[in-house]
Amino acid sequence: MDRDTLEKLSKPELVEIVLKLQRPSKTSRTSSKPPSTDRKARRLQSKPGGAKPGHQGHSRSLHEAPNEVVDHRPEVCPQCDTALDAHLQADVIGEYDEIDLPPITPIVRRHPLPGSACLHA
């Protein structure tokens, strides 16, 4: 600010400017704040995270012969609650495999050990 601008300010505005100059913004060097809360100059100019345009995604491949296919066709329209025909043409917009492992059951084998004595001993 130049001198003319400062002379045109009211007394409360001048007091506020003086108080701001006396109290610098808190950083990890001027207070007990941890360094992780400091604003980093590089952080403001950094690129956003996430996949970049044109990145080829990757996912788990689907099984060639699933044991069961579960149809998730809606029965009613989610917007107007009108019943939908079961034979209405629909495109698959996504699919995934749910893999379930059967419960493990123990196999119990009993081994009886006969105790016998030799008759010639």
PDB file of N, CA and C in Angstrom:
ATOM      1  N   MET A   1       0.839  -1.185   0.000  1.00  0.00           N
ATOM      2  CA  MET A   1       0.000   0.000   0.000  1.00  0.00           C
ATOM      3  C   MET A   1       0.879   1.242   0.000  1.00  0.00           C
ATOM      4  N   ASP A   2       0.398   2.230  -0.702  1.00  0.00           N
ATOM      5  CA  ASP A   2       1.160   3.478  -0.702  1.00  0.00           C
ATOM      6  C   ASP A   2       0.631   4.423   0.375  1.00  0.00           C
ATOM      7  N   ARG A   3       1.292   5.543   0.584  1.00  0.00           N
ATOM      8  CA  ARG A   3       0.975   6.481   1.667  1.00  0.00           C
ATOM      9  C   ARG A   3      -0.436   7.064   1.509  1.00  0.00           C
ATOM     10  N   ASP A   4      -0.825   7.419   0.294  1.00  0.00           N
ATOM     11  CA  ASP A   4      -2.150   8.020   0.076  1.00  0.00           C
ATOM     12  C   ASP A   4      -3.263   7.058   0.470  1.00  0.00           C
ATOM     13  N   THR A   5      -3.108   5.793   0.126  1.00  0.00           N
ATOM     14  CA  THR A   5      -4.123   4.790   0.470  1.00  0.00           C
ATOM     15  C   THR A   5      -4.220   4.627   1.976  1.00  0.00           C
ATOM     16  N   LEU A   6      -3.083   4.617   2.674  1.00  0.00           N
ATOM     17  CA  LEU A   6      -3.094   4.475   4.126  1.00  0.00           C
ATOM     18  C   LEU A   6      -3.731   5.686   4.804  1.00  0.00           C
ATOM     19  N   GLU A   7      -3.529   6.866   4.273  1.00  0.00           N
ATOM     20  CA  GLU A   7      -4.112   8.079   4.874  1.00  0.00           C
ATOM     21  C   GLU A   7      -5.621   8.096   4.728  1.00  0.00           C
ATOM     22  N   LYS A   8      -6.163   7.439   3.728  1.00  0.00           N
ATOM     23  CA  LYS A   8      -7.609   7.428   3.504  1.00  0.00           C
ATOM     24  C   LYS A   8      -8.329   6.388   4.373  1.00  0.00           C
ATOM     25  N   LEU A   9      -7.573   5.460   4.975  1.00  0.00           N
ATOM     26  CA  LEU A   9      -8.199   4.423   5.800  1.00  0.00           C
ATOM     27  C   LEU A   9      -8.676   4.989   7.121  1.00  0.00           C
ATOM     28  N   SER A  10      -9.736   4.364   7.656  1.00  0.00           N
ATOM     29  CA  SER A  10     -10.247   4.793   8.961  1.00  0.00           C
ATOM     30  C   SER A  10      -9.333   4.268  10.061  1.00  0.00           C
ATOM     31  N   LYS A  11      -9.553   4.782  11.274  1.00  0.00           N
ATOM     32  CA  LYS A  11      -8.709   4.385  12.411  1.00  0.00           C
ATOM     33  C   LYS A  11      -8.836   2.889  12.711  1.00  0.00           C
ATOM     34  N   PRO A  12     -10.065   2.303  12.753  1.00  0.00           N
ATOM     35  CA  PRO A  12     -10.154   0.854  13.012  1.00  0.00           C
ATOM     36  C   PRO A  12      -9.442   0.016  11.952  1.00  0.00           C
ATOM     37  N   GLU A  13      -9.478   0.444  10.680  1.00  0.00           N
ATOM     38  CA  GLU A  13      -8.788  -0.300   9.622  1.00  0.00           C
ATOM     39  C   GLU A  13      -7.274  -0.236   9.803  1.00  0.00           C
ATOM     40  N   LEU A  14      -6.777   0.925  10.202  1.00  0.00           N
ATOM     41  CA  LEU A  14      -5.337   1.065  10.466  1.00  0.00           C
ATOM     42  C   LEU A  14      -4.904   0.200  11.642  1.00  0.00           C
ATOM     43  N   VAL A  15      -5.725   0.192  12.699  1.00  0.00           N
ATOM     44  CA  VAL A  15      -5.410  -0.641  13.869  1.00  0.00           C
ATOM     45  C   VAL A  15      -5.344  -2.107  13.469  1.00  0.00           C
ATOM     46  N   GLU A  16      -6.270  -2.542  12.620  1.00  0.00           N
ATOM     47  CA  GLU A  16      -6.283  -3.939  12.172  1.00  0.00           C
ATOM     48  C   GLU A  16      -5.025  -4.277  11.379  1.00  0.00           C
ATOM     49  N   ILE A  17      -4.576  -3.379  10.522  1.00  0.00           N
ATOM     50  CA  ILE A  17      -3.357  -3.608   9.731  1.00  0.00           C
ATOM     51  C   ILE A  17      -2.141  -3.701  10.643  1.00  0.00           C
ATOM     52  N   VAL A  18      -2.054  -2.824  11.647  1.00  0.00           N
ATOM     53  CA  VAL A  18      -0.929  -2.843  12.583  1.00  0.00           C
ATOM     54  C   VAL A  18      -0.927  -4.139  13.378  1.00  0.00           C
ATOM     55  N   LEU A  19      -2.108  -4.585  13.814  1.00  0.00           N
ATOM     56  CA  LEU A  19      -2.185  -5.833  14.579  1.00  0.00           C
ATOM     57  C   LEU A  19      -1.769  -7.031  13.729  1.00  0.00           C
ATOM     58  N   LYS A  20      -2.142  -7.038  12.458  1.00  0.00           N
ATOM     59  CA  LYS A  20      -1.727  -8.134  11.577  1.00  0.00           C
ATOM     60  C   LYS A  20      -0.217  -8.164  11.404  1.00  0.00           C
ATOM     61  N   LEU A  21       0.387  -6.987  11.328  1.00  0.00           N
ATOM     62  CA  LEU A  21       1.844  -6.926  11.186  1.00  0.00           C
ATOM     63  C   LEU A  21       2.551  -7.391  12.451  1.00  0.00           C
ATOM     64  N   GLN A  22       1.927  -7.154  13.607  1.00  0.00           N
ATOM     65  CA  GLN A  22       2.524  -7.588  14.870  1.00  0.00           C
ATOM     66  C   GLN A  22       2.362  -9.087  15.085  1.00  0.00           C
ATOM     67  N   ARG A  23       1.290  -9.665  14.517  1.00  0.00           N
ATOM     68  CA  ARG A  23       1.028 -11.103  14.661  1.00  0.00           C
ATOM     69  C   ARG A  23       1.240 -11.787  13.322  1.00  0.00           C
ATOM     70  N   PRO A  24       2.415 -12.306  13.061  1.00  0.00           N
ATOM     71  CA  PRO A  24       2.607 -13.019  11.789  1.00  0.00           C
ATOM     72  C   PRO A  24       1.814 -14.327  11.809  1.00  0.00           C
ATOM     73  N   SER A  25       1.541 -14.859  10.643  1.00  0.00           N
ATOM     74  CA  SER A  25       0.790 -16.109  10.570  1.00  0.00           C
ATOM     75  C   SER A  25       1.572 -17.216  11.259  1.00  0.00           C
ATOM     76  N   LYS A  26       0.846 -18.086  11.904  1.00  0.00           N
ATOM     77  CA  LYS A  26       1.490 -19.162  12.668  1.00  0.00           C
ATOM     78  C   LYS A  26       2.021 -20.237  11.731  1.00  0.00           C
ATOM     79  N   THR A  27       3.255 -20.632  11.961  1.00  0.00           N
ATOM     80  CA  THR A  27       3.868 -21.753  11.257  1.00  0.00           C
ATOM     81  C   THR A  27       4.510 -22.651  12.298  1.00  0.00           C
ATOM     82  N   SER A  28       5.101 -23.723  11.861  1.00  0.00           N
ATOM     83  CA  SER A  28       5.768 -24.615  12.818  1.00  0.00           C
ATOM     84  C   SER A  28       6.990 -23.949  13.447  1.00  0.00           C
ATOM     85  N   ARG A  29       7.508 -22.914  12.792  1.00  0.00           N
ATOM     86  CA  ARG A  29       8.663 -22.208  13.345  1.00  0.00           C
ATOM     87  C   ARG A  29       8.273 -21.151  14.361  1.00  0.00           C
ATOM     88  N   THR A  30       7.062 -20.584  14.234  1.00  0.00           N
ATOM     89  CA  THR A  30       6.662 -19.498  15.128  1.00  0.00           C
ATOM     90  C   THR A  30       5.649 -19.921  16.184  1.00  0.00           C
ATOM     91  N   SER A  31       5.276 -21.213  16.220  1.00  0.00           N
ATOM     92  CA  SER A  31       4.307 -21.682  17.212  1.00  0.00           C
ATOM     93  C   SER A  31       4.557 -23.159  17.474  1.00  0.00           C
ATOM     94  N   SER A  32       3.636 -23.751  18.210  1.00  0.00           N
ATOM     95  CA  SER A  32       3.780 -25.179  18.525  1.00  0.00           C
ATOM     96  C   SER A  32       3.067 -26.068  17.511  1.00  0.00           C
ATOM     97  N   LYS A  33       2.680 -25.506  16.362  1.00  0.00           N
ATOM     98  CA  LYS A  33       2.026 -26.293  15.323  1.00  0.00           C
ATOM     99  C   LYS A  33       3.005 -27.311  14.738  1.00  0.00           C
ATOM    100  N   PRO A  34       2.527 -28.501  14.379  1.00  0.00           N
ATOM    101  CA  PRO A  34       3.422 -29.487  13.754  1.00  0.00           C
ATOM    102  C   PRO A  34       3.780 -29.066  12.330  1.00  0.00           C
ATOM    103  N   PRO A  35       4.943 -29.465  11.844  1.00  0.00           N
ATOM    104  CA  PRO A  35       5.369 -29.095  10.490  1.00  0.00           C
ATOM    105  C   PRO A  35       4.420 -29.577   9.396  1.00  0.00           C
ATOM    106  N   SER A  36       3.679 -30.636   9.659  1.00  0.00           N
ATOM    107  CA  SER A  36       2.781 -31.161   8.626  1.00  0.00           C
ATOM    108  C   SER A  36       1.641 -30.203   8.309  1.00  0.00           C
ATOM    109  N   THR A  37       1.371 -29.206   9.173  1.00  0.00           N
ATOM    110  CA  THR A  37       0.283 -28.269   8.908  1.00  0.00           C
ATOM    111  C   THR A  37       0.740 -27.055   8.129  1.00  0.00           C
ATOM    112  N   ASP A  38       2.033 -26.910   7.878  1.00  0.00           N
ATOM    113  CA  ASP A  38       2.541 -25.775   7.102  1.00  0.00           C
ATOM    114  C   ASP A  38       2.097 -25.906   5.645  1.00  0.00           C
ATOM    115  N   ARG A  39       1.797 -24.790   5.022  1.00  0.00           N
ATOM    116  CA  ARG A  39       1.473 -24.786   3.599  1.00  0.00           C
ATOM    117  C   ARG A  39       2.761 -24.861   2.805  1.00  0.00           C
ATOM    118  N   LYS A  40       2.854 -25.802   1.944  1.00  0.00           N
ATOM    119  CA  LYS A  40       4.053 -25.973   1.140  1.00  0.00           C
ATOM    120  C   LYS A  40       3.842 -25.296  -0.206  1.00  0.00           C
ATOM    121  N   ALA A  41       4.846 -24.565  -0.671  1.00  0.00           N
ATOM    122  CA  ALA A  41       4.733 -23.883  -1.962  1.00  0.00           C
ATOM    123  C   ALA A  41       4.571 -24.893  -3.088  1.00  0.00           C
ATOM    124  N   ARG A  42       5.270 -26.006  -2.988  1.00  0.00           N
ATOM    125  CA  ARG A  42       5.176 -27.027  -4.047  1.00  0.00           C
ATOM    126  C   ARG A  42       3.806 -27.690  -4.051  1.00  0.00           C
ATOM    127  N   ARG A  43       3.189 -27.823  -2.879  1.00  0.00           N
ATOM    128  CA  ARG A  43       1.898 -28.493  -2.790  1.00  0.00           C
ATOM    129  C   ARG A  43       0.832 -27.716  -3.562  1.00  0.00           C
ATOM    130  N   LEU A  44       0.923 -26.388  -3.555  1.00  0.00           N
ATOM    131  CA  LEU A  44      -0.066 -25.585  -4.269  1.00  0.00           C
ATOM    132  C   LEU A  44       0.084 -25.710  -5.775  1.00  0.00           C
ATOM    133  N   GLN A  45       1.294 -25.983  -6.260  1.00  0.00           N
ATOM    134  CA  GLN A  45       1.544 -26.059  -7.704  1.00  0.00           C
ATOM    135  C   GLN A  45       1.569 -27.497  -8.214  1.00  0.00           C
ATOM    136  N   SER A  46       1.344 -28.459  -7.351  1.00  0.00           N
ATOM    137  CA  SER A  46       1.482 -29.858  -7.754  1.00  0.00           C
ATOM    138  C   SER A  46       0.319 -30.302  -8.637  1.00  0.00           C
ATOM    139  N   LYS A  47       0.539 -31.395  -9.351  1.00  0.00           N
ATOM    140  CA  LYS A  47      -0.480 -31.961 -10.233  1.00  0.00           C
ATOM    141  C   LYS A  47      -1.462 -32.774  -9.392  1.00  0.00           C
ATOM    142  N   PRO A  48      -2.710 -32.866  -9.826  1.00  0.00           N
ATOM    143  CA  PRO A  48      -3.670 -33.681  -9.088  1.00  0.00           C
ATOM    144  C   PRO A  48      -3.324 -35.166  -9.202  1.00  0.00           C
ATOM    145  N   GLY A  49      -3.695 -35.929  -8.194  1.00  0.00           N
ATOM    146  CA  GLY A  49      -3.416 -37.360  -8.198  1.00  0.00           C
ATOM    147  C   GLY A  49      -4.404 -38.124  -9.055  1.00  0.00           C
ATOM    148  N   GLY A  50      -4.290 -39.414  -9.052  1.00  0.00           N
ATOM    149  CA  GLY A  50      -5.206 -40.261  -9.796  1.00  0.00           C
ATOM    150  C   GLY A  50      -4.651 -40.662 -11.146  1.00  0.00           C
ATOM    151  N   ALA A  51      -5.432 -41.461 -11.845  1.00  0.00           N
ATOM    152  CA  ALA A  51      -5.009 -41.955 -13.154  1.00  0.00           C
ATOM    153  C   ALA A  51      -4.981 -40.807 -14.159  1.00  0.00           C
ATOM    154  N   LYS A  52      -4.014 -40.838 -15.001  1.00  0.00           N
ATOM    155  CA  LYS A  52      -3.859 -39.808 -16.028  1.00  0.00           C
ATOM    156  C   LYS A  52      -4.693 -40.175 -17.257  1.00  0.00           C
ATOM    157  N   PRO A  53      -5.085 -39.182 -18.069  1.00  0.00           N
ATOM    158  CA  PRO A  53      -5.874 -39.481 -19.273  1.00  0.00           C
ATOM    159  C   PRO A  53      -5.141 -40.458 -20.189  1.00  0.00           C
ATOM    160  N   GLY A  54      -5.880 -41.442 -20.683  1.00  0.00           N
ATOM    161  CA  GLY A  54      -5.301 -42.437 -21.580  1.00  0.00           C
ATOM    162  C   GLY A  54      -4.710 -43.632 -20.860  1.00  0.00           C
ATOM    163  N   HIS A  55      -4.748 -43.637 -19.516  1.00  0.00           N
ATOM    164  CA  HIS A  55      -4.181 -44.759 -18.760  1.00  0.00           C
ATOM    165  C   HIS A  55      -5.018 -46.018 -18.975  1.00  0.00           C
ATOM    166  N   GLN A  56      -4.363 -47.115 -19.299  1.00  0.00           N
ATOM    167  CA  GLN A  56      -5.038 -48.393 -19.504  1.00  0.00           C
ATOM    168  C   GLN A  56      -5.309 -49.012 -18.137  1.00  0.00           C
ATOM    169  N   GLY A  57      -6.571 -49.169 -17.793  1.00  0.00           N
ATOM    170  CA  GLY A  57      -6.929 -49.746 -16.502  1.00  0.00           C
ATOM    171  C   GLY A  57      -6.640 -51.241 -16.458  1.00  0.00           C
ATOM    172  N   HIS A  58      -6.684 -51.812 -15.272  1.00  0.00           N
ATOM    173  CA  HIS A  58      -6.475 -53.246 -15.128  1.00  0.00           C
ATOM    174  C   HIS A  58      -7.421 -53.764 -14.049  1.00  0.00           C
ATOM    175  N   SER A  59      -7.904 -54.970 -14.231  1.00  0.00           N
ATOM    176  CA  SER A  59      -8.808 -55.588 -13.270  1.00  0.00           C
ATOM    177  C   SER A  59      -8.677 -57.100 -13.381  1.00  0.00           C
ATOM    178  N   ARG A  60      -9.276 -57.794 -12.445  1.00  0.00           N
ATOM    179  CA  ARG A  60      -9.238 -59.257 -12.435  1.00  0.00           C
ATOM    180  C   ARG A  60     -10.062 -59.774 -13.609  1.00  0.00           C
ATOM    181  N   SER A  61      -9.534 -60.768 -14.303  1.00  0.00           N
ATOM    182  CA  SER A  61     -10.265 -61.333 -15.442  1.00  0.00           C
ATOM    183  C   SER A  61     -11.423 -62.200 -14.950  1.00  0.00           C
ATOM    184  N   LEU A  62     -12.441 -62.295 -15.783  1.00  0.00           N
ATOM    185  CA  LEU A  62     -13.616 -63.094 -15.439  1.00  0.00           C
ATOM    186  C   LEU A  62     -13.354 -64.567 -15.735  1.00  0.00           C
ATOM    187  N   HIS A  63     -13.994 -65.445 -14.976  1.00  0.00           N
ATOM    188  CA  HIS A  63     -13.869 -66.894 -15.154  1.00  0.00           C
ATOM    189  C   HIS A  63     -14.553 -67.297 -16.453  1.00  0.00           C
ATOM    190  N   GLU A  64     -13.968 -68.263 -17.173  1.00  0.00           N
ATOM    191  CA  GLU A  64     -14.533 -68.680 -18.463  1.00  0.00           C
ATOM    192  C   GLU A  64     -15.870 -69.386 -18.300  1.00  0.00           C
ATOM    193  N   ALA A  65     -16.038 -70.187 -17.258  1.00  0.00           N
ATOM    194  CA  ALA A  65     -17.259 -70.976 -17.090  1.00  0.00           C
ATOM    195  C   ALA A  65     -17.764 -70.856 -15.650  1.00  0.00           C
ATOM    196  N   PRO A  66     -18.512 -69.800 -15.333  1.00  0.00           N
ATOM    197  CA  PRO A  66     -19.026 -69.684 -13.961  1.00  0.00           C
ATOM    198  C   PRO A  66     -20.069 -70.757 -13.677  1.00  0.00           C
ATOM    199  N   ASN A  67     -20.179 -71.158 -12.417  1.00  0.00           N
ATOM    200  CA  ASN A  67     -21.147 -72.171 -12.018  1.00  0.00           C
ATOM    201  C   ASN A  67     -22.581 -71.636 -12.073  1.00  0.00           C
ATOM    202  N   GLU A  68     -22.727 -70.331 -11.871  1.00  0.00           N
ATOM    203  CA  GLU A  68     -24.059 -69.747 -11.801  1.00  0.00           C
ATOM    204  C   GLU A  68     -23.974 -68.298 -12.300  1.00  0.00           C
ATOM    205  N   VAL A  69     -25.017 -67.835 -12.974  1.00  0.00           N
ATOM    206  CA  VAL A  69     -25.112 -66.440 -13.409  1.00  0.00           C
ATOM    207  C   VAL A  69     -26.356 -65.851 -12.755  1.00  0.00           C
ATOM    208  N   VAL A  70     -26.172 -64.802 -11.952  1.00  0.00           N
ATOM    209  CA  VAL A  70     -27.277 -64.162 -11.242  1.00  0.00           C
ATOM    210  C   VAL A  70     -27.720 -62.944 -12.039  1.00  0.00           C
ATOM    211  N   ASP A  71     -29.003 -62.903 -12.397  1.00  0.00           N
ATOM    212  CA  ASP A  71     -29.546 -61.793 -13.181  1.00  0.00           C
ATOM    213  C   ASP A  71     -30.000 -60.689 -12.226  1.00  0.00           C
ATOM    214  N   HIS A  72     -29.528 -59.473 -12.455  1.00  0.00           N
ATOM    215  CA  HIS A  72     -29.883 -58.335 -11.601  1.00  0.00           C
ATOM    216  C   HIS A  72     -30.770 -57.343 -12.345  1.00  0.00           C
ATOM    217  N   ARG A  73     -31.669 -57.837 -13.143  1.00  0.00           N
ATOM    218  CA  ARG A  73     -32.561 -56.985 -13.933  1.00  0.00           C
ATOM    219  C   ARG A  73     -33.575 -56.340 -12.980  1.00  0.00           C
ATOM    220  N   PRO A  74     -33.731 -55.010 -13.051  1.00  0.00           N
ATOM    221  CA  PRO A  74     -34.709 -54.348 -12.173  1.00  0.00           C
ATOM    222  C   PRO A  74     -36.143 -54.688 -12.598  1.00  0.00           C
ATOM    223  N   GLU A  75     -37.046 -54.749 -11.630  1.00  0.00           N
ATOM    224  CA  GLU A  75     -38.448 -55.054 -11.925  1.00  0.00           C
ATOM    225  C   GLU A  75     -39.246 -53.789 -12.191  1.00  0.00           C
ATOM    226  N   VAL A  76     -38.801 -52.659 -11.606  1.00  0.00           N
ATOM    227  CA  VAL A  76     -39.496 -51.385 -11.814  1.00  0.00           C
ATOM    228  C   VAL A  76     -38.483 -50.317 -12.195  1.00  0.00           C
ATOM    229  N   CYS A  77     -38.951 -49.278 -12.883  1.00  0.00           N
ATOM    230  CA  CYS A  77     -38.106 -48.152 -13.264  1.00  0.00           C
ATOM    231  C   CYS A  77     -37.756 -47.362 -11.999  1.00  0.00           C
ATOM    232  N   PRO A  78     -36.458 -47.046 -11.773  1.00  0.00           N
ATOM    233  CA  PRO A  78     -36.098 -46.321 -10.555  1.00  0.00           C
ATOM    234  C   PRO A  78     -36.597 -44.873 -10.540  1.00  0.00           C
ATOM    235  N   GLN A  79     -36.921 -44.294 -11.717  1.00  0.00           N
ATOM    236  CA  GLN A  79     -37.391 -42.912 -11.745  1.00  0.00           C
ATOM    237  C   GLN A  79     -38.910 -42.799 -11.551  1.00  0.00           C
ATOM    238  N   CYS A  80     -39.668 -43.641 -12.269  1.00  0.00           N
ATOM    239  CA  CYS A  80     -41.135 -43.464 -12.248  1.00  0.00           C
ATOM    240  C   CYS A  80     -41.884 -44.641 -11.615  1.00  0.00           C
ATOM    241  N   ASP A  81     -41.186 -45.663 -11.154  1.00  0.00           N
ATOM    242  CA  ASP A  81     -41.792 -46.851 -10.513  1.00  0.00           C
ATOM    243  C   ASP A  81     -42.745 -47.613 -11.424  1.00  0.00           C
ATOM    244  N   THR A  82     -42.571 -47.511 -12.740  1.00  0.00           N
ATOM    245  CA  THR A  82     -43.376 -48.281 -13.686  1.00  0.00           C
ATOM    246  C   THR A  82     -42.770 -49.671 -13.814  1.00  0.00           C
ATOM    247  N   ALA A  83     -43.638 -50.691 -13.867  1.00  0.00           N
ATOM    248  CA  ALA A  83     -43.155 -52.064 -14.006  1.00  0.00           C
ATOM    249  C   ALA A  83     -42.449 -52.227 -15.348  1.00  0.00           C
ATOM    250  N   LEU A  84     -41.310 -52.902 -15.340  1.00  0.00           N
ATOM    251  CA  LEU A  84     -40.532 -53.130 -16.560  1.00  0.00           C
ATOM    252  C   LEU A  84     -40.781 -54.543 -17.074  1.00  0.00           C
ATOM    253  N   ASP A  85     -40.889 -54.683 -18.394  1.00  0.00           N
ATOM    254  CA  ASP A  85     -41.093 -55.976 -19.029  1.00  0.00           C
ATOM    255  C   ASP A  85     -39.843 -56.834 -18.831  1.00  0.00           C
ATOM    256  N   ALA A  86     -40.020 -58.099 -18.519  1.00  0.00           N
ATOM    257  CA  ALA A  86     -38.890 -59.002 -18.280  1.00  0.00           C
ATOM    258  C   ALA A  86     -38.077 -59.232 -19.543  1.00  0.00           C
ATOM    259  N   HIS A  87     -38.669 -59.041 -20.722  1.00  0.00           N
ATOM    260  CA  HIS A  87     -37.974 -59.271 -21.983  1.00  0.00           C
ATOM    261  C   HIS A  87     -37.462 -57.968 -22.604  1.00  0.00           C
ATOM    262  N   LEU A  88     -37.446 -56.890 -21.835  1.00  0.00           N
ATOM    263  CA  LEU A  88     -36.972 -55.597 -22.323  1.00  0.00           C
ATOM    264  C   LEU A  88     -35.489 -55.674 -22.651  1.00  0.00           C
ATOM    265  N   GLN A  89     -35.113 -55.128 -23.806  1.00  0.00           N
ATOM    266  CA  GLN A  89     -33.711 -55.142 -24.243  1.00  0.00           C
ATOM    267  C   GLN A  89     -32.865 -54.344 -23.246  1.00  0.00           C
ATOM    268  N   ALA A  90     -31.748 -54.914 -22.808  1.00  0.00           N
ATOM    269  CA  ALA A  90     -30.861 -54.227 -21.864  1.00  0.00           C
ATOM    270  C   ALA A  90     -29.415 -54.564 -22.202  1.00  0.00           C
ATOM    271  N   ASP A  91     -28.547 -53.603 -22.038  1.00  0.00           N
ATOM    272  CA  ASP A  91     -27.113 -53.803 -22.253  1.00  0.00           C
ATOM    273  C   ASP A  91     -26.435 -54.049 -20.919  1.00  0.00           C
ATOM    274  N   VAL A  92     -25.451 -54.924 -20.902  1.00  0.00           N
ATOM    275  CA  VAL A  92     -24.667 -55.166 -19.693  1.00  0.00           C
ATOM    276  C   VAL A  92     -23.669 -54.021 -19.568  1.00  0.00           C
ATOM    277  N   ILE A  93     -23.738 -53.269 -18.456  1.00  0.00           N
ATOM    278  CA  ILE A  93     -22.839 -52.130 -18.275  1.00  0.00           C
ATOM    279  C   ILE A  93     -21.650 -52.483 -17.374  1.00  0.00           C
ATOM    280  N   GLY A  94     -21.679 -53.639 -16.769  1.00  0.00           N
ATOM    281  CA  GLY A  94     -20.569 -54.090 -15.936  1.00  0.00           C
ATOM    282  C   GLY A  94     -20.869 -55.463 -15.392  1.00  0.00           C
ATOM    283  N   GLU A  95     -19.832 -56.181 -15.051  1.00  0.00           N
ATOM    284  CA  GLU A  95     -20.019 -57.503 -14.445  1.00  0.00           C
ATOM    285  C   GLU A  95     -18.779 -57.863 -13.642  1.00  0.00           C
ATOM    286  N   TYR A  96     -18.970 -58.726 -12.672  1.00  0.00           N
ATOM    287  CA  TYR A  96     -17.865 -59.169 -11.835  1.00  0.00           C
ATOM    288  C   TYR A  96     -18.143 -60.588 -11.363  1.00  0.00           C
ATOM    289  N   ASP A  97     -17.102 -61.273 -10.954  1.00  0.00           N
ATOM    290  CA  ASP A  97     -17.233 -62.620 -10.413  1.00  0.00           C
ATOM    291  C   ASP A  97     -17.169 -62.565  -8.900  1.00  0.00           C
ATOM    292  N   GLU A  98     -18.099 -63.243  -8.261  1.00  0.00           N
ATOM    293  CA  GLU A  98     -18.068 -63.428  -6.813  1.00  0.00           C
ATOM    294  C   GLU A  98     -17.547 -64.838  -6.580  1.00  0.00           C
ATOM    295  N   ILE A  99     -16.437 -64.939  -5.890  1.00  0.00           N
ATOM    296  CA  ILE A  99     -15.808 -66.247  -5.685  1.00  0.00           C
ATOM    297  C   ILE A  99     -16.028 -66.660  -4.243  1.00  0.00           C
ATOM    298  N   ASP A 100     -16.735 -67.774  -4.071  1.00  0.00           N
ATOM    299  CA  ASP A 100     -17.018 -68.305  -2.737  1.00  0.00           C
ATOM    300  C   ASP A 100     -16.265 -69.613  -2.546  1.00  0.00           C
ATOM    301  N   LEU A 101     -15.604 -69.738  -1.437  1.00  0.00           N
ATOM    302  CA  LEU A 101     -14.949 -71.000  -1.105  1.00  0.00           C
ATOM    303  C   LEU A 101     -15.889 -71.817  -0.227  1.00  0.00           C
ATOM    304  N   PRO A 102     -16.039 -73.124  -0.503  1.00  0.00           N
ATOM    305  CA  PRO A 102     -16.925 -73.934   0.335  1.00  0.00           C
ATOM    306  C   PRO A 102     -16.334 -74.069   1.740  1.00  0.00           C
ATOM    307  N   PRO A 103     -17.200 -74.282   2.731  1.00  0.00           N
ATOM    308  CA  PRO A 103     -16.671 -74.441   4.094  1.00  0.00           C
ATOM    309  C   PRO A 103     -15.768 -75.665   4.182  1.00  0.00           C
ATOM    310  N   ILE A 104     -14.739 -75.563   4.951  1.00  0.00           N
ATOM    311  CA  ILE A 104     -13.794 -76.671   5.124  1.00  0.00           C
ATOM    312  C   ILE A 104     -14.337 -77.599   6.204  1.00  0.00           C
ATOM    313  N   THR A 105     -14.476 -78.881   5.843  1.00  0.00           N
ATOM    314  CA  THR A 105     -14.923 -79.869   6.820  1.00  0.00           C
ATOM    315  C   THR A 105     -13.795 -80.875   7.016  1.00  0.00           C
ATOM    316  N   PRO A 106     -13.521 -81.214   8.267  1.00  0.00           N
ATOM    317  CA  PRO A 106     -12.413 -82.143   8.524  1.00  0.00           C
ATOM    318  C   PRO A 106     -12.768 -83.575   8.101  1.00  0.00           C
ATOM    319  N   ILE A 107     -11.771 -84.313   7.698  1.00  0.00           N
ATOM    320  CA  ILE A 107     -11.913 -85.740   7.406  1.00  0.00           C
ATOM    321  C   ILE A 107     -11.306 -86.476   8.597  1.00  0.00           C
ATOM    322  N   VAL A 108     -12.134 -87.281   9.253  1.00  0.00           N
ATOM    323  CA  VAL A 108     -11.686 -87.995  10.468  1.00  0.00           C
ATOM    324  C   VAL A 108     -11.475 -89.454  10.117  1.00  0.00           C
ATOM    325  N   ARG A 109     -10.271 -89.935  10.350  1.00  0.00           N
ATOM    326  CA  ARG A 109      -9.946 -91.352  10.136  1.00  0.00           C
ATOM    327  C   ARG A 109      -9.595 -91.968  11.477  1.00  0.00           C
ATOM    328  N   ARG A 110     -10.258 -93.050  11.794  1.00  0.00           N
ATOM    329  CA  ARG A 110      -9.960 -93.748  13.037  1.00  0.00           C
ATOM    330  C   ARG A 110      -9.044 -94.927  12.722  1.00  0.00           C
ATOM    331  N   HIS A 111      -8.025 -95.099  13.516  1.00  0.00           N
ATOM    332  CA  HIS A 111      -7.045 -96.173  13.343  1.00  0.00           C
ATOM    333  C   HIS A 111      -7.024 -97.023  14.612  1.00  0.00           C
ATOM    334  N   PRO A 112      -7.837 -98.091  14.666  1.00  0.00           N
ATOM    335  CA  PRO A 112      -7.794 -98.962  15.859  1.00  0.00           C
ATOM    336  C   PRO A 112      -6.491 -99.782  15.856  1.00  0.00           C
ATOM    337  N   LEU A 113      -5.839 -99.804  16.974  1.00  0.00           N
ATOM    338  CA  LEU A 113      -4.593-100.560  17.125  1.00  0.00           C
ATOM    339  C   LEU A 113      -4.865-101.788  18.015  1.00  0.00           C
ATOM    340  N   PRO A 114      -4.902-102.985  17.409  1.00  0.00           N
ATOM    341  CA  PRO A 114      -5.201-104.180  18.223  1.00  0.00           C
ATOM    342  C   PRO A 114      -3.997-104.535  19.100  1.00  0.00           C
ATOM    343  N   GLY A 115      -4.304-104.915  20.304  1.00  0.00           N
ATOM    344  CA  GLY A 115      -3.257-105.378  21.211  1.00  0.00           C
ATOM    345  C   GLY A 115      -3.379-106.891  21.370  1.00  0.00           C
ATOM    346  N   SER A 116      -2.413-107.628  20.869  1.00  0.00           N
ATOM    347  CA  SER A 116      -2.478-109.084  20.976  1.00  0.00           C
ATOM    348  C   SER A 116      -1.124-109.611  21.444  1.00  0.00           C
ATOM    349  N   ALA A 117      -1.145-110.760  21.990  1.00  0.00           N
ATOM    350  CA  ALA A 117       0.075-111.389  22.498  1.00  0.00           C
ATOM    351  C   ALA A 117       0.339-112.676  21.715  1.00  0.00           C
ATOM    352  N   CYS A 118       1.600-112.950  21.493  1.00  0.00           N
ATOM    353  CA  CYS A 118       1.970-114.150  20.769  1.00  0.00           C
ATOM    354  C   CYS A 118       1.740-115.362  21.684  1.00  0.00           C
ATOM    355  N   LEU A 119       1.182-116.426  21.148  1.00  0.00           N
ATOM    356  CA  LEU A 119       0.889-117.617  21.950  1.00  0.00           C
ATOM    357  C   LEU A 119       2.147-118.444  22.232  1.00  0.00           C
ATOM    358  N   HIS A 120       3.238-118.238  21.490  1.00  0.00           N
ATOM    359  CA  HIS A 120       4.449-119.004  21.656  1.00  0.00           C
ATOM    360  C   HIS A 120       5.469-118.307  22.561  1.00  0.00           C
ATOM    361  N   ALA A 121       5.141-117.170  23.047  1.00  0.00           N
ATOM    362  CA  ALA A 121       6.110-116.451  23.866  1.00  0.00           C
ATOM    363  C   ALA A 121       6.026-116.782  25.306  1.00  0.00           C
TER     364      ALA A 121
END
